[in-house]
Amino acid sequence: MTDFSNRSAATGTRSNGLAIAGLVCGIVGIFFLNIVLGPLAIIFGAVAMRQAGAKGGGGMAKAALILGIFDVLLFVVLMIVAASNGGFSWYVGG
């Protein structure tokens, strides 16, 4: 049976878990819950950028920061558009 638990160390590639988490939050945040996932992507990306020297993943950390900022800006734009169209209205029922 082959042991794949230490696969990244054996191949010489390193990846930062926070950079991956930030990237996933940034990508998913474009479509769902961008006001929650955007700031998380920014936080994870910023922490991963500080750790990039030791753990790698600098490119993913930068992408997480950019996507997090995009998510927050997208939320702001959507709120401006909603406010200019008369605000929000909830319709429940028949």
N, C-alpha and C. Protein backbone atom coordinates (compact mmCIF):
# COMPACT_ATOMS: atom_id res chain seq x y z
N MET A 1 0.85 -1.17 0.00
CA MET A 1 0.00 0.00 0.00
C MET A 1 0.89 1.24 0.00
N THR A 2 0.58 2.19 -0.83
CA THR A 2 1.38 3.40 -0.97
C THR A 2 0.88 4.46 -0.02
N ASP A 3 1.83 5.17 0.61
CA ASP A 3 1.49 6.24 1.54
C ASP A 3 1.53 7.58 0.82
N PHE A 4 0.37 8.21 0.64
CA PHE A 4 0.27 9.49 -0.04
C PHE A 4 0.16 10.66 0.93
N SER A 5 0.31 10.43 2.22
CA SER A 5 0.10 11.48 3.21
C SER A 5 1.18 12.55 3.14
N ASN A 6 2.38 12.20 2.73
CA ASN A 6 3.46 13.18 2.67
C ASN A 6 3.89 13.40 1.22
N ARG A 7 2.95 13.40 0.33
CA ARG A 7 3.20 13.46 -1.10
C ARG A 7 3.84 14.79 -1.53
N SER A 8 3.37 15.93 -0.97
CA SER A 8 3.90 17.22 -1.39
C SER A 8 5.36 17.39 -0.98
N ALA A 9 5.75 16.84 0.16
CA ALA A 9 7.14 16.95 0.58
C ALA A 9 8.03 16.07 -0.28
N ALA A 10 7.52 14.95 -0.74
CA ALA A 10 8.31 14.05 -1.55
C ALA A 10 8.56 14.63 -2.94
N THR A 11 7.60 15.34 -3.50
CA THR A 11 7.75 15.89 -4.84
C THR A 11 8.43 17.25 -4.83
N GLY A 12 8.58 17.87 -3.67
CA GLY A 12 9.25 19.15 -3.58
C GLY A 12 8.32 20.34 -3.74
N THR A 13 7.05 20.13 -3.96
CA THR A 13 6.12 21.25 -4.08
C THR A 13 5.49 21.53 -2.73
N ARG A 14 5.30 22.81 -2.46
CA ARG A 14 4.68 23.20 -1.20
C ARG A 14 3.48 24.07 -1.52
N SER A 15 2.45 23.93 -0.73
CA SER A 15 1.29 24.80 -0.90
C SER A 15 0.80 25.23 0.48
N ASN A 16 0.31 26.43 0.53
CA ASN A 16 -0.14 27.02 1.77
C ASN A 16 -1.64 26.79 1.88
N GLY A 17 -2.08 26.20 2.96
CA GLY A 17 -3.49 25.92 3.15
C GLY A 17 -4.34 27.18 3.23
N LEU A 18 -3.80 28.24 3.83
CA LEU A 18 -4.55 29.49 3.90
C LEU A 18 -4.70 30.14 2.53
N ALA A 19 -3.70 29.99 1.68
CA ALA A 19 -3.80 30.52 0.32
C ALA A 19 -4.89 29.78 -0.45
N ILE A 20 -4.94 28.48 -0.28
CA ILE A 20 -5.97 27.68 -0.95
C ILE A 20 -7.35 28.04 -0.41
N ALA A 21 -7.47 28.18 0.91
CA ALA A 21 -8.76 28.55 1.50
C ALA A 21 -9.21 29.93 1.03
N GLY A 22 -8.28 30.87 0.96
CA GLY A 22 -8.61 32.21 0.48
C GLY A 22 -9.03 32.20 -0.98
N LEU A 23 -8.35 31.41 -1.78
CA LEU A 23 -8.71 31.31 -3.19
C LEU A 23 -10.09 30.71 -3.37
N VAL A 24 -10.39 29.67 -2.62
CA VAL A 24 -11.72 29.06 -2.70
C VAL A 24 -12.79 30.03 -2.23
N CYS A 25 -12.54 30.73 -1.13
CA CYS A 25 -13.50 31.73 -0.64
C CYS A 25 -13.72 32.83 -1.68
N GLY A 26 -12.65 33.26 -2.33
CA GLY A 26 -12.77 34.31 -3.33
C GLY A 26 -13.56 33.87 -4.54
N ILE A 27 -13.34 32.64 -4.99
CA ILE A 27 -14.05 32.15 -6.17
C ILE A 27 -15.52 31.91 -5.85
N VAL A 28 -15.80 31.25 -4.75
CA VAL A 28 -17.19 30.98 -4.38
C VAL A 28 -17.92 32.27 -4.04
N GLY A 29 -17.19 33.24 -3.47
CA GLY A 29 -17.78 34.52 -3.10
C GLY A 29 -18.28 35.33 -4.28
N ILE A 30 -17.77 35.06 -5.47
CA ILE A 30 -18.28 35.75 -6.65
C ILE A 30 -19.75 35.41 -6.87
N PHE A 31 -20.13 34.19 -6.55
CA PHE A 31 -21.48 33.70 -6.83
C PHE A 31 -22.40 33.70 -5.62
N PHE A 32 -21.87 33.41 -4.43
CA PHE A 32 -22.69 33.27 -3.23
C PHE A 32 -22.05 34.00 -2.06
N LEU A 33 -22.85 34.69 -1.26
CA LEU A 33 -22.41 35.30 0.01
C LEU A 33 -21.13 36.11 -0.12
N ASN A 34 -21.09 37.00 -1.11
CA ASN A 34 -19.86 37.74 -1.34
C ASN A 34 -19.49 38.68 -0.20
N ILE A 35 -20.44 39.13 0.59
CA ILE A 35 -20.10 40.02 1.70
C ILE A 35 -19.45 39.26 2.86
N VAL A 36 -19.67 37.96 2.93
CA VAL A 36 -19.05 37.13 3.96
C VAL A 36 -17.73 36.53 3.46
N LEU A 37 -17.78 35.95 2.27
CA LEU A 37 -16.61 35.24 1.75
C LEU A 37 -15.52 36.19 1.23
N GLY A 38 -15.91 37.39 0.79
CA GLY A 38 -14.91 38.35 0.32
C GLY A 38 -13.93 38.76 1.41
N PRO A 39 -14.42 39.24 2.55
CA PRO A 39 -13.48 39.57 3.63
C PRO A 39 -12.67 38.37 4.13
N LEU A 40 -13.29 37.18 4.14
CA LEU A 40 -12.52 35.99 4.52
C LEU A 40 -11.38 35.73 3.54
N ALA A 41 -11.65 35.90 2.26
CA ALA A 41 -10.60 35.72 1.25
C ALA A 41 -9.49 36.75 1.43
N ILE A 42 -9.86 37.97 1.78
CA ILE A 42 -8.85 39.01 2.01
C ILE A 42 -7.98 38.66 3.22
N ILE A 43 -8.61 38.22 4.29
CA ILE A 43 -7.87 37.86 5.51
C ILE A 43 -6.96 36.66 5.25
N PHE A 44 -7.52 35.60 4.66
CA PHE A 44 -6.71 34.41 4.39
C PHE A 44 -5.57 34.74 3.42
N GLY A 45 -5.86 35.55 2.41
CA GLY A 45 -4.82 35.92 1.45
C GLY A 45 -3.72 36.74 2.08
N ALA A 46 -4.08 37.68 2.97
CA ALA A 46 -3.07 38.51 3.62
C ALA A 46 -2.18 37.69 4.54
N VAL A 47 -2.78 36.78 5.30
CA VAL A 47 -1.98 35.93 6.18
C VAL A 47 -1.10 34.99 5.35
N ALA A 48 -1.64 34.47 4.26
CA ALA A 48 -0.87 33.58 3.40
C ALA A 48 0.28 34.31 2.73
N MET A 49 0.09 35.60 2.42
CA MET A 49 1.19 36.37 1.83
C MET A 49 2.35 36.51 2.82
N ARG A 50 2.03 36.65 4.09
CA ARG A 50 3.09 36.74 5.11
C ARG A 50 3.83 35.40 5.25
N GLN A 51 3.11 34.30 5.01
CA GLN A 51 3.70 32.97 5.15
C GLN A 51 4.27 32.44 3.84
N ALA A 52 4.18 33.20 2.77
CA ALA A 52 4.55 32.70 1.44
C ALA A 52 6.02 32.29 1.37
N GLY A 53 6.88 32.96 2.10
CA GLY A 53 8.29 32.60 2.07
C GLY A 53 8.57 31.22 2.63
N ALA A 54 7.86 30.87 3.69
CA ALA A 54 8.11 29.59 4.35
C ALA A 54 7.26 28.45 3.77
N LYS A 55 6.03 28.76 3.40
CA LYS A 55 5.12 27.69 2.98
C LYS A 55 4.79 27.71 1.49
N GLY A 56 5.21 28.71 0.77
CA GLY A 56 4.88 28.79 -0.66
C GLY A 56 3.46 29.30 -0.86
N GLY A 57 3.01 29.30 -2.10
CA GLY A 57 1.64 29.72 -2.39
C GLY A 57 1.46 31.20 -2.53
N GLY A 58 2.52 31.92 -2.88
CA GLY A 58 2.43 33.38 -3.01
C GLY A 58 1.47 33.81 -4.10
N GLY A 59 1.46 33.10 -5.21
CA GLY A 59 0.55 33.43 -6.31
C GLY A 59 -0.90 33.21 -5.93
N MET A 60 -1.17 32.12 -5.25
CA MET A 60 -2.54 31.86 -4.80
C MET A 60 -2.98 32.89 -3.77
N ALA A 61 -2.06 33.31 -2.93
CA ALA A 61 -2.39 34.32 -1.92
C ALA A 61 -2.74 35.65 -2.57
N LYS A 62 -1.98 36.04 -3.60
CA LYS A 62 -2.29 37.27 -4.33
C LYS A 62 -3.64 37.17 -5.02
N ALA A 63 -3.91 36.01 -5.61
CA ALA A 63 -5.20 35.80 -6.27
C ALA A 63 -6.34 35.86 -5.26
N ALA A 64 -6.12 35.33 -4.07
CA ALA A 64 -7.15 35.37 -3.03
C ALA A 64 -7.43 36.82 -2.62
N LEU A 65 -6.37 37.62 -2.47
CA LEU A 65 -6.56 39.03 -2.14
C LEU A 65 -7.35 39.76 -3.22
N ILE A 66 -6.98 39.54 -4.46
CA ILE A 66 -7.65 40.21 -5.58
C ILE A 66 -9.11 39.78 -5.66
N LEU A 67 -9.38 38.48 -5.53
CA LEU A 67 -10.76 38.01 -5.59
C LEU A 67 -11.57 38.49 -4.39
N GLY A 68 -10.96 38.57 -3.23
CA GLY A 68 -11.66 39.08 -2.05
C GLY A 68 -12.06 40.53 -2.22
N ILE A 69 -11.14 41.34 -2.75
CA ILE A 69 -11.45 42.75 -3.01
C ILE A 69 -12.55 42.85 -4.06
N PHE A 70 -12.47 42.02 -5.09
CA PHE A 70 -13.50 42.01 -6.13
C PHE A 70 -14.86 41.65 -5.54
N ASP A 71 -14.90 40.67 -4.64
CA ASP A 71 -16.16 40.27 -4.00
C ASP A 71 -16.79 41.42 -3.23
N VAL A 72 -15.97 42.14 -2.45
CA VAL A 72 -16.49 43.25 -1.67
C VAL A 72 -16.99 44.36 -2.59
N LEU A 73 -16.22 44.67 -3.63
CA LEU A 73 -16.65 45.69 -4.58
C LEU A 73 -17.92 45.29 -5.31
N LEU A 74 -18.04 44.01 -5.64
CA LEU A 74 -19.25 43.51 -6.28
C LEU A 74 -20.46 43.70 -5.37
N PHE A 75 -20.29 43.44 -4.08
CA PHE A 75 -21.38 43.64 -3.14
C PHE A 75 -21.79 45.10 -3.08
N VAL A 76 -20.80 46.00 -3.04
CA VAL A 76 -21.10 47.43 -2.99
C VAL A 76 -21.85 47.87 -4.25
N VAL A 77 -21.41 47.40 -5.40
CA VAL A 77 -22.08 47.75 -6.66
C VAL A 77 -23.51 47.22 -6.68
N LEU A 78 -23.69 45.99 -6.22
CA LEU A 78 -25.05 45.42 -6.17
C LEU A 78 -25.96 46.21 -5.23
N MET A 79 -25.42 46.67 -4.11
CA MET A 79 -26.22 47.48 -3.18
C MET A 79 -26.57 48.84 -3.79
N ILE A 80 -25.64 49.43 -4.52
CA ILE A 80 -25.92 50.71 -5.18
C ILE A 80 -27.00 50.54 -6.24
N VAL A 81 -26.91 49.48 -7.02
CA VAL A 81 -27.92 49.22 -8.05
C VAL A 81 -29.28 48.95 -7.40
N ALA A 82 -29.29 48.19 -6.32
CA ALA A 82 -30.56 47.90 -5.65
C ALA A 82 -31.16 49.18 -5.05
N ALA A 83 -30.33 50.03 -4.50
CA ALA A 83 -30.83 51.28 -3.90
C ALA A 83 -31.36 52.23 -4.98
N SER A 84 -30.74 52.24 -6.13
CA SER A 84 -31.20 53.13 -7.20
C SER A 84 -32.49 52.64 -7.84
N ASN A 85 -32.81 51.39 -7.64
CA ASN A 85 -34.05 50.82 -8.19
C ASN A 85 -35.17 50.80 -7.17
N GLY A 86 -35.08 51.58 -6.13
CA GLY A 86 -36.15 51.66 -5.15
C GLY A 86 -35.97 50.77 -3.94
N GLY A 87 -34.81 50.23 -3.76
CA GLY A 87 -34.55 49.41 -2.57
C GLY A 87 -34.95 47.97 -2.76
N PHE A 88 -35.12 47.31 -1.63
CA PHE A 88 -35.44 45.89 -1.64
C PHE A 88 -36.90 45.68 -1.30
N SER A 89 -37.49 44.68 -1.88
CA SER A 89 -38.85 44.29 -1.50
C SER A 89 -38.90 42.77 -1.43
N TRP A 90 -39.52 42.30 -0.40
CA TRP A 90 -39.65 40.87 -0.21
C TRP A 90 -41.09 40.47 -0.47
N TYR A 91 -41.26 39.48 -1.29
CA TYR A 91 -42.60 38.97 -1.56
C TYR A 91 -42.64 37.52 -1.15
N VAL A 92 -43.47 37.23 -0.17
CA VAL A 92 -43.60 35.86 0.31
C VAL A 92 -45.07 35.50 0.27
N GLY A 93 -45.33 34.37 -0.31
CA GLY A 93 -46.72 33.90 -0.33
C GLY A 93 -47.37 34.05 -1.70
N GLY A 94 -48.65 33.78 -1.72
CA GLY A 94 -49.35 33.76 -3.00
C GLY A 94 -50.34 34.79 -3.18
